[in-house]
Amino acid sequence: SCYSCSHLCKNKVYIVTWNVGSAMPPDDISALFGPRVSDGSADMFIVGFQEVNSMINKRLKDALFTDQWSELCMDTLSRFGYVLVASQRMQGVLLLVFSKFCHLPFLRGVQTQSTRTGLGGYWGNKGGVSARMMVFGHPVCFLNCHLPAHMRNLEQRVEDFESILQQQQFEGGAAVGVLDHDVVFWFGDLNFRIEDYDIHVVKSAIENNKLPLLWERDQLNMAKNSESILDGFMEGPLNFPPTYKFDVGTHTYDTSAKKRKPAWTDRILWRLRRTGSPVPSHSAALQVTQHFYRSHMGFTVSDHKPVSALFSLHFPFKVDLPLVQLEVEKEWTKVSDATARFTVTSGFQRSTWDWVGLYKVGFKHHKDYAAYVWAKSDHSTQVTFPEEDLPRDAGEYILGYYSNNMNSIVGITEPFQVKPLNKIQ
């Protein structure tokens, strides 16, 4: 069950980045989330897209989200018990954060930001979108960037990254800037290219699996040694071929007249916060382990291949007491069962606009409830769902307490059975 995992001091975070080149999504993207997506071994999925087409699709006119990529990610991941926690979109740059539903009460203070750098800051086709939150008590930030293209724009890429870091400021708490978080994950189409070698040398190195030859001339690897803004950013070895630029629909590098040189434009890096003094090795600081870093060659709708990485966050301590604890019957077989009692930790500020939602297991985001009741803050610690709001279809449900002040679910129950209403007497 979800609960057994929540007491380990480790959180597995799976990150994927993909420049989808304005393409329509393929029918099935589950391979993007790895072969083990169905076994629930990841705690969070973080998805960064670039060049998402913003044409509003007729099919989505009633949807809460206006692009097919968000909808498809939600449809795919909700089947495995993951819920959308945060999303931020700036034109084609899109960031989605999903969590296993049992972790929702421990992801707090969720905030998002976006910074435009296209056309001198007037256009959002380039720039960065971020989401930050306290994950079991530790400030973590996810930053998806689309930096300027072309070999010659190395300095502009570094400058844009620096201005994204300067402009993104969050409210309250210790971590105001991106780099103030205990850990930052930085990913996206960063557009760094391979210097010096001509296209034949690059292709030959790829064909003969001599990738280390190309690492030395990779602009990002070189800039990490010279640009102070990149200090502390770490990246696993690029043991997969460059992910750009392919002829769409194929696994063949660019054969067009432009003959773009292959490059590792699509990257996932991380950085741990600097502590004030040299930390003795036994002292408690958040640690990050990368388990894999790979590309997904099977996808051909775009001229880029997606890239993913799996990390473990090792927490020195864990905030894992929910702000609200809910108690509910193991099974709802009659109308009078449809009641929940809750206790609130001291210091938690209730609001008149708090509510308790009844969610079918497999729900997509906090508004995707089967029913809800207001949890008015007149000292009552119980809510009852009216008969007419109870779901018609039986199945597994959970209750979640939504805090209006915190804009998030701060307490949930374990799954319980609801019998079909026509049988409930």
Protein backbone atom coordinates (compact mmCIF):
# COMPACT_ATOMS: atom_id res chain seq x y z
CA SER A 1 0.00 0.00 0.00
CA CYS A 2 0.96 3.59 -0.36
CA TYR A 3 1.47 3.96 3.36
CA SER A 4 4.23 1.42 3.77
CA CYS A 5 6.45 3.47 1.45
CA SER A 6 5.89 6.78 3.15
CA HIS A 7 8.02 5.97 6.17
CA LEU A 8 11.24 5.21 4.31
CA CYS A 9 13.55 8.21 4.35
CA LYS A 10 13.88 8.10 0.60
CA ASN A 11 11.84 9.58 -2.20
CA LYS A 12 12.19 8.47 -5.82
CA VAL A 13 11.80 11.28 -8.34
CA TYR A 14 11.49 10.48 -12.06
CA ILE A 15 12.15 13.40 -14.41
CA VAL A 16 11.50 13.51 -18.14
CA THR A 17 12.18 16.30 -20.65
CA TRP A 18 11.07 16.41 -24.27
CA ASN A 19 10.97 19.05 -26.98
CA VAL A 20 7.88 17.83 -28.82
CA GLY A 21 8.34 20.17 -31.81
CA SER A 22 4.66 21.28 -31.96
CA ALA A 23 3.64 17.69 -32.70
CA MET A 24 0.39 16.06 -31.66
CA PRO A 25 1.04 13.47 -28.95
CA PRO A 26 1.26 9.82 -29.97
CA ASP A 27 -1.54 7.54 -28.73
CA ASP A 28 0.54 5.97 -25.99
CA ILE A 29 3.30 7.68 -24.00
CA SER A 30 3.48 5.26 -21.09
CA ALA A 31 7.00 4.16 -22.18
CA LEU A 32 8.12 7.71 -21.37
CA PHE A 33 7.63 6.93 -17.67
CA GLY A 34 9.76 3.80 -17.69
CA PRO A 35 9.04 0.08 -17.64
CA ARG A 36 8.14 0.14 -13.93
CA VAL A 37 5.54 2.91 -14.01
CA SER A 38 2.80 0.47 -13.03
CA ASP A 39 4.51 -0.86 -9.89
CA GLY A 40 4.47 2.51 -8.12
CA SER A 41 8.19 2.51 -7.37
CA ALA A 42 8.51 6.22 -8.22
CA ASP A 43 7.09 8.69 -5.69
CA MET A 44 6.93 11.66 -8.08
CA PHE A 45 6.97 12.19 -11.83
CA ILE A 46 8.17 15.55 -13.15
CA VAL A 47 7.52 16.25 -16.83
CA GLY A 48 9.05 19.15 -18.77
CA PHE A 49 7.94 19.78 -22.35
CA GLN A 50 9.11 22.40 -24.81
CA GLU A 51 7.39 23.55 -28.03
CA VAL A 52 3.94 22.36 -27.00
CA ASN A 53 1.45 23.49 -29.60
CA SER A 54 -1.14 25.75 -28.05
CA MET A 55 -3.85 25.15 -30.63
CA ILE A 56 -6.93 24.50 -28.57
CA ASN A 57 -8.38 21.18 -29.54
CA LYS A 58 -12.12 20.79 -30.02
CA ARG A 59 -12.05 17.61 -28.00
CA LEU A 60 -10.76 19.54 -25.01
CA LYS A 61 -13.29 22.36 -24.91
CA ASP A 62 -14.59 21.16 -21.53
CA ALA A 63 -11.18 20.29 -20.13
CA LEU A 64 -9.51 22.16 -17.32
CA PHE A 65 -6.21 22.08 -19.22
CA THR A 66 -6.00 23.35 -22.77
CA ASP A 67 -3.32 21.16 -24.24
CA GLN A 68 -3.32 17.51 -25.20
CA TRP A 69 0.05 16.76 -23.63
CA SER A 70 -1.17 17.64 -20.12
CA GLU A 71 -4.35 15.64 -20.65
CA LEU A 72 -2.45 12.60 -21.93
CA CYS A 73 0.03 12.71 -19.04
CA MET A 74 -2.83 12.91 -16.54
CA ASP A 75 -4.74 10.10 -18.25
CA THR A 76 -1.61 7.92 -18.26
CA LEU A 77 -0.32 8.56 -14.73
CA SER A 78 -3.68 8.71 -12.92
CA ARG A 79 -4.22 5.04 -13.81
CA PHE A 80 -1.23 4.22 -11.62
CA GLY A 81 -2.27 6.37 -8.66
CA TYR A 82 -0.41 9.61 -9.48
CA VAL A 83 -2.11 12.99 -9.10
CA LEU A 84 -1.19 16.34 -10.66
CA VAL A 85 0.20 18.59 -7.91
CA ALA A 86 1.39 21.58 -9.94
CA SER A 87 1.41 22.72 -13.53
CA GLN A 88 2.85 25.84 -15.11
CA ARG A 89 2.74 26.78 -18.75
CA MET A 90 4.32 29.63 -20.69
CA GLN A 91 3.44 29.35 -24.38
CA GLY A 92 5.20 26.15 -25.49
CA VAL A 93 7.12 25.55 -22.24
CA LEU A 94 5.15 23.29 -19.91
CA LEU A 95 5.95 21.79 -16.50
CA LEU A 96 3.83 19.12 -14.79
CA VAL A 97 4.48 17.72 -11.30
CA PHE A 98 2.76 14.48 -10.30
CA SER A 99 2.86 12.69 -6.96
CA LYS A 100 1.60 9.41 -5.61
CA PHE A 101 -1.69 10.34 -3.95
CA CYS A 102 -0.57 9.20 -0.49
CA HIS A 103 2.22 11.81 -0.49
CA LEU A 104 -0.11 14.76 -1.20
CA PRO A 105 -0.28 15.95 2.45
CA PHE A 106 3.52 16.18 2.57
CA LEU A 107 3.96 18.39 -0.49
CA ARG A 108 3.32 21.86 0.89
CA GLY A 109 3.77 25.45 -0.14
CA VAL A 110 3.51 24.68 -3.84
CA GLN A 111 4.34 27.75 -5.96
CA THR A 112 5.06 28.17 -9.66
CA GLN A 113 6.88 30.84 -11.67
CA SER A 114 7.63 31.63 -15.29
CA THR A 115 10.23 33.88 -16.91
CA ARG A 116 10.14 34.91 -20.56
CA THR A 117 13.46 35.42 -22.31
CA GLY A 118 12.36 35.24 -25.99
CA LEU A 119 12.61 38.53 -27.92
CA GLY A 120 14.34 40.26 -25.03
CA GLY A 121 11.79 39.08 -22.49
CA TYR A 122 8.63 39.92 -24.43
CA TRP A 123 7.90 36.49 -25.82
CA GLY A 124 7.46 33.24 -23.90
CA ASN A 125 8.65 30.86 -26.60
CA LYS A 126 11.95 30.74 -24.69
CA GLY A 127 12.57 30.99 -20.96
CA GLY A 128 11.92 28.95 -17.84
CA VAL A 129 8.98 27.65 -15.81
CA SER A 130 9.41 26.30 -12.31
CA ALA A 131 7.52 24.66 -9.47
CA ARG A 132 8.77 24.62 -5.90
CA MET A 133 7.42 22.94 -2.78
CA MET A 134 8.36 21.52 0.58
CA VAL A 135 8.76 17.76 0.02
CA PHE A 136 8.48 16.03 3.42
CA GLY A 137 9.86 19.23 4.97
CA HIS A 138 12.67 19.91 2.47
CA PRO A 139 12.52 22.77 -0.07
CA VAL A 140 12.84 21.36 -3.60
CA CYS A 141 12.62 23.25 -6.92
CA PHE A 142 12.04 21.92 -10.45
CA LEU A 143 13.06 24.23 -13.31
CA ASN A 144 12.23 23.48 -16.96
CA CYS A 145 14.02 25.75 -19.46
CA HIS A 146 14.04 26.27 -23.20
CA LEU A 147 17.20 28.26 -23.97
CA PRO A 148 18.20 29.97 -27.28
CA ALA A 149 19.15 27.77 -30.24
CA HIS A 150 22.18 27.72 -32.58
CA MET A 151 25.86 27.02 -32.06
CA ARG A 152 26.81 30.71 -31.85
CA ASN A 153 24.47 31.54 -28.94
CA LEU A 154 26.43 29.90 -26.12
CA GLU A 155 26.84 33.15 -24.17
CA GLN A 156 23.18 34.02 -24.65
CA ARG A 157 22.17 30.63 -23.21
CA VAL A 158 24.26 31.20 -20.10
CA GLU A 159 22.98 34.78 -19.75
CA ASP A 160 19.36 33.71 -20.14
CA PHE A 161 19.82 31.00 -17.51
CA GLU A 162 21.30 33.57 -15.16
CA SER A 163 18.42 35.99 -15.69
CA ILE A 164 15.86 33.19 -15.16
CA LEU A 165 17.55 32.42 -11.82
CA GLN A 166 17.54 36.11 -10.87
CA GLN A 167 13.92 36.75 -11.81
CA GLN A 168 12.33 33.71 -10.19
CA GLN A 169 11.48 34.63 -6.62
CA PHE A 170 9.09 32.76 -4.32
CA GLU A 171 7.04 34.05 -1.40
CA GLY A 172 7.84 33.42 2.23
CA GLY A 173 9.97 30.68 3.70
CA ALA A 174 13.72 30.41 3.64
CA ALA A 175 14.01 29.43 -0.02
CA VAL A 176 13.22 32.65 -1.88
CA GLY A 177 15.38 32.11 -4.98
CA VAL A 178 15.76 28.93 -7.03
CA LEU A 179 19.27 28.21 -5.69
CA ASP A 180 18.12 28.61 -2.06
CA HIS A 181 16.32 25.25 -2.25
CA ASP A 182 17.96 22.16 -0.72
CA VAL A 183 17.95 20.66 -4.19
CA VAL A 184 17.22 22.11 -7.63
CA PHE A 185 16.53 19.97 -10.67
CA TRP A 186 17.31 21.89 -13.88
CA PHE A 187 16.24 20.32 -17.17
CA GLY A 188 14.83 21.07 -20.59
CA ASP A 189 15.95 21.86 -24.11
CA LEU A 190 19.03 23.73 -22.96
CA ASN A 191 20.26 23.86 -26.58
CA PHE A 192 23.98 23.41 -25.86
CA ARG A 193 25.86 22.15 -28.92
CA ILE A 194 29.05 20.24 -29.78
CA GLU A 195 31.90 22.60 -30.74
CA ASP A 196 34.74 22.27 -33.25
CA TYR A 197 34.09 18.86 -34.84
CA ASP A 198 32.31 18.83 -38.17
CA ILE A 199 29.16 16.81 -38.78
CA HIS A 200 31.06 13.81 -40.19
CA VAL A 201 33.28 13.50 -37.13
CA VAL A 202 30.25 13.78 -34.82
CA LYS A 203 28.22 11.18 -36.73
CA SER A 204 31.18 8.82 -36.93
CA ALA A 205 31.79 9.11 -33.16
CA ILE A 206 28.12 8.26 -32.57
CA GLU A 207 28.16 5.30 -34.97
CA ASN A 208 31.35 3.90 -33.42
CA ASN A 209 30.10 4.51 -29.89
CA LYS A 210 32.93 6.93 -29.10
CA LEU A 211 30.68 9.31 -27.16
CA PRO A 212 33.39 10.43 -24.64
CA LEU A 213 35.16 12.10 -27.57
CA LEU A 214 32.11 14.36 -27.97
CA TRP A 215 31.64 15.04 -24.24
CA GLU A 216 34.85 17.09 -24.22
CA ARG A 217 33.50 19.49 -26.84
CA ASP A 218 29.98 19.69 -25.41
CA GLN A 219 29.30 23.35 -24.66
CA LEU A 220 27.55 22.69 -21.36
CA ASN A 221 30.39 20.50 -20.07
CA MET A 222 32.89 23.18 -21.03
CA ALA A 223 30.80 26.04 -19.59
CA LYS A 224 30.54 24.23 -16.24
CA ASN A 225 34.28 24.81 -15.82
CA SER A 226 34.20 28.48 -16.76
CA GLU A 227 30.80 29.93 -15.78
CA SER A 228 30.29 30.57 -12.07
CA ILE A 229 26.48 30.46 -12.44
CA LEU A 230 26.84 26.74 -13.26
CA ASP A 231 28.89 26.00 -10.13
CA GLY A 232 27.61 22.99 -8.27
CA PHE A 233 25.35 21.70 -11.07
CA MET A 234 25.89 17.98 -11.55
CA GLU A 235 24.97 15.67 -14.38
CA GLY A 236 25.29 11.94 -14.95
CA PRO A 237 27.35 10.60 -17.89
CA LEU A 238 25.78 11.06 -21.33
CA ASN A 239 25.82 7.37 -22.23
CA PHE A 240 23.14 7.82 -24.89
CA PRO A 241 23.57 9.32 -28.36
CA PRO A 242 22.74 13.01 -28.93
CA THR A 243 18.97 13.53 -28.86
CA TYR A 244 18.83 16.24 -31.56
CA LYS A 245 18.31 16.59 -34.51
CA PHE A 246 16.35 13.76 -36.16
CA ASP A 247 14.25 13.64 -39.29
CA VAL A 248 10.70 13.50 -37.91
CA GLY A 249 9.27 9.98 -38.03
CA THR A 250 12.72 8.35 -38.06
CA HIS A 251 15.84 7.52 -36.06
CA THR A 252 18.01 9.22 -38.70
CA TYR A 253 19.96 12.38 -37.92
CA ASP A 254 19.11 15.48 -39.98
CA THR A 255 19.34 14.86 -43.73
CA SER A 256 17.78 18.23 -44.69
CA ALA A 257 19.73 20.89 -46.56
CA LYS A 258 20.59 22.53 -43.21
CA LYS A 259 22.36 19.36 -42.02
CA ARG A 260 22.26 20.29 -38.33
CA LYS A 261 25.00 18.68 -36.28
CA PRO A 262 23.69 16.20 -33.67
CA ALA A 263 23.84 17.57 -30.12
CA TRP A 264 22.83 16.79 -26.55
CA THR A 265 20.35 19.66 -26.34
CA ASP A 266 18.04 17.84 -23.89
CA ARG A 267 19.51 17.57 -20.40
CA ILE A 268 18.71 16.90 -16.75
CA LEU A 269 21.00 18.33 -14.04
CA TRP A 270 20.76 18.82 -10.30
CA ARG A 271 22.37 20.99 -7.64
CA LEU A 272 22.51 20.70 -3.86
CA ARG A 273 22.34 23.86 -1.79
CA ARG A 274 25.63 25.15 -0.49
CA THR A 275 25.72 25.07 3.30
CA GLY A 276 27.55 27.84 5.15
CA SER A 277 30.50 25.79 6.38
CA PRO A 278 32.23 22.65 5.19
CA VAL A 279 29.84 19.90 6.26
CA PRO A 280 31.31 16.96 8.19
CA SER A 281 30.41 13.82 6.28
CA HIS A 282 28.23 12.41 9.08
CA SER A 283 26.05 15.49 9.42
CA ALA A 284 22.52 15.44 8.07
CA ALA A 285 22.06 17.01 4.66
CA LEU A 286 19.77 16.03 1.82
CA GLN A 287 21.56 13.71 -0.62
CA VAL A 288 20.71 12.84 -4.20
CA THR A 289 21.55 9.61 -6.05
CA GLN A 290 20.97 9.24 -9.78
CA HIS A 291 19.93 5.70 -10.79
CA PHE A 292 19.80 6.16 -14.57
CA TYR A 293 19.98 8.80 -17.30
CA ARG A 294 18.75 7.75 -20.72
CA SER A 295 17.02 8.68 -23.95
CA HIS A 296 13.86 7.16 -25.41
CA MET A 297 14.66 6.41 -29.04
CA GLY A 298 11.27 4.85 -29.75
CA PHE A 299 9.44 8.18 -30.05
CA THR A 300 9.56 9.78 -33.50
CA VAL A 301 6.87 12.53 -33.55
CA SER A 302 9.50 15.23 -32.97
CA ASP A 303 13.04 16.06 -34.14
CA HIS A 304 14.16 15.53 -30.52
CA LYS A 305 14.16 12.30 -28.49
CA PRO A 306 12.87 12.46 -24.90
CA VAL A 307 15.36 12.09 -22.03
CA SER A 308 14.60 10.76 -18.54
CA ALA A 309 16.41 10.25 -15.25
CA LEU A 310 15.53 8.60 -11.94
CA PHE A 311 16.80 10.02 -8.65
CA SER A 312 16.55 9.09 -4.99
CA LEU A 313 16.32 11.93 -2.50
CA HIS A 314 17.72 10.81 0.85
CA PHE A 315 16.13 12.89 3.60
CA PRO A 316 17.96 13.44 6.91
CA PHE A 317 14.54 13.94 8.54
CA LYS A 318 10.98 13.67 7.34
CA VAL A 319 7.92 15.77 8.03
CA ASP A 320 5.35 13.01 7.69
CA LEU A 321 2.59 13.93 10.10
CA PRO A 322 -0.35 15.29 8.14
CA LEU A 323 -1.90 18.63 9.17
CA VAL A 324 -5.34 17.00 9.19
CA GLN A 325 -6.13 13.39 10.06
CA LEU A 326 -9.34 11.94 8.68
CA GLU A 327 -11.23 8.94 10.01
CA VAL A 328 -13.76 7.12 7.90
CA GLU A 329 -15.67 3.82 7.84
CA LYS A 330 -13.83 0.99 6.04
CA GLU A 331 -16.85 0.52 3.82
CA TRP A 332 -19.81 2.70 2.91
CA THR A 333 -22.78 0.37 2.64
CA LYS A 334 -25.51 2.75 3.83
CA VAL A 335 -26.09 6.51 3.67
CA SER A 336 -25.23 7.03 7.32
CA ASP A 337 -21.70 5.67 6.66
CA ALA A 338 -20.93 8.66 4.43
CA THR A 339 -19.39 10.65 7.26
CA ALA A 340 -15.85 11.63 8.14
CA ARG A 341 -14.35 12.87 11.39
CA PHE A 342 -11.14 14.83 11.38
CA THR A 343 -8.58 16.17 13.82
CA VAL A 344 -6.43 19.17 13.06
CA THR A 345 -2.87 19.66 14.31
CA SER A 346 -2.37 22.68 16.52
CA GLY A 347 -1.31 25.75 14.58
CA PHE A 348 -3.10 24.69 11.40
CA GLN A 349 -5.35 27.56 10.28
CA ARG A 350 -8.69 26.38 8.98
CA SER A 351 -10.71 28.51 6.58
CA THR A 352 -14.43 28.72 5.83
CA TRP A 353 -13.53 27.65 2.31
CA ASP A 354 -11.88 24.35 3.25
CA TRP A 355 -13.58 21.24 1.94
CA VAL A 356 -13.45 17.46 2.14
CA GLY A 357 -13.51 15.79 -1.27
CA LEU A 358 -14.53 12.23 -2.09
CA TYR A 359 -12.14 11.01 -4.79
CA LYS A 360 -12.28 7.83 -6.82
CA VAL A 361 -8.87 6.12 -6.66
CA GLY A 362 -7.26 7.12 -9.96
CA PHE A 363 -8.30 10.80 -9.72
CA LYS A 364 -6.26 13.29 -11.74
CA HIS A 365 -5.99 16.49 -9.68
CA HIS A 366 -7.54 18.05 -6.58
CA LYS A 367 -10.63 19.30 -8.43
CA ASP A 368 -11.34 15.87 -9.88
CA TYR A 369 -13.67 14.82 -7.03
CA ALA A 370 -16.80 12.66 -7.13
CA ALA A 371 -18.37 14.87 -4.43
CA TYR A 372 -17.31 17.41 -1.81
CA VAL A 373 -18.65 19.04 1.33
CA TRP A 374 -17.53 22.28 2.93
CA ALA A 375 -15.60 21.81 6.15
CA LYS A 376 -16.86 25.01 7.77
CA SER A 377 -14.54 26.16 10.51
CA ASP A 378 -17.18 26.57 13.22
CA HIS A 379 -15.32 24.12 15.46
CA SER A 380 -17.12 21.14 13.95
CA THR A 381 -14.80 18.25 13.25
CA GLN A 382 -17.18 16.12 11.22
CA VAL A 383 -18.69 16.27 7.73
CA THR A 384 -21.50 14.26 6.18
CA PHE A 385 -22.08 13.81 2.47
CA PRO A 386 -25.72 14.35 1.42
CA GLU A 387 -27.37 11.30 -0.10
CA GLU A 388 -27.90 12.94 -3.50
CA ASP A 389 -24.14 13.64 -3.84
CA LEU A 390 -23.02 10.06 -3.24
CA PRO A 391 -21.49 8.35 -6.27
CA ARG A 392 -23.63 6.02 -8.35
CA ASP A 393 -20.75 3.69 -9.15
CA ALA A 394 -19.15 1.42 -6.60
CA GLY A 395 -15.41 1.25 -6.20
CA GLU A 396 -12.40 2.34 -4.22
CA TYR A 397 -12.42 5.92 -2.97
CA ILE A 398 -10.41 8.12 -0.65
CA LEU A 399 -11.28 11.31 1.21
CA GLY A 400 -9.01 14.34 1.02
CA TYR A 401 -9.12 17.51 3.15
CA TYR A 402 -8.41 20.54 0.94
CA SER A 403 -7.01 23.61 2.67
CA ASN A 404 -7.93 26.88 1.00
CA ASN A 405 -5.09 28.74 2.75
CA MET A 406 -2.50 26.24 1.53
CA ASN A 407 -4.07 25.55 -1.89
CA SER A 408 -3.48 21.85 -1.42
CA ILE A 409 -4.75 18.61 0.04
CA VAL A 410 -3.39 18.39 3.60
CA GLY A 411 -4.91 15.10 4.78
CA ILE A 412 -6.14 11.91 3.13
CA THR A 413 -7.59 8.55 4.13
CA GLU A 414 -6.50 5.15 2.99
CA PRO A 415 -8.69 3.74 0.20
CA PHE A 416 -12.11 2.39 1.24
CA GLN A 417 -15.02 0.74 -0.59
CA VAL A 418 -18.21 2.51 -1.56
CA LYS A 419 -21.11 0.19 -2.45
CA PRO A 420 -23.43 1.38 -5.22
CA LEU A 421 -25.97 3.86 -3.92
CA ASN A 422 -29.04 1.97 -5.10
CA LYS A 423 -28.00 -0.76 -2.66
CA ILE A 424 -27.29 1.73 0.14
CA GLN A 425 -30.28 1.86 2.45
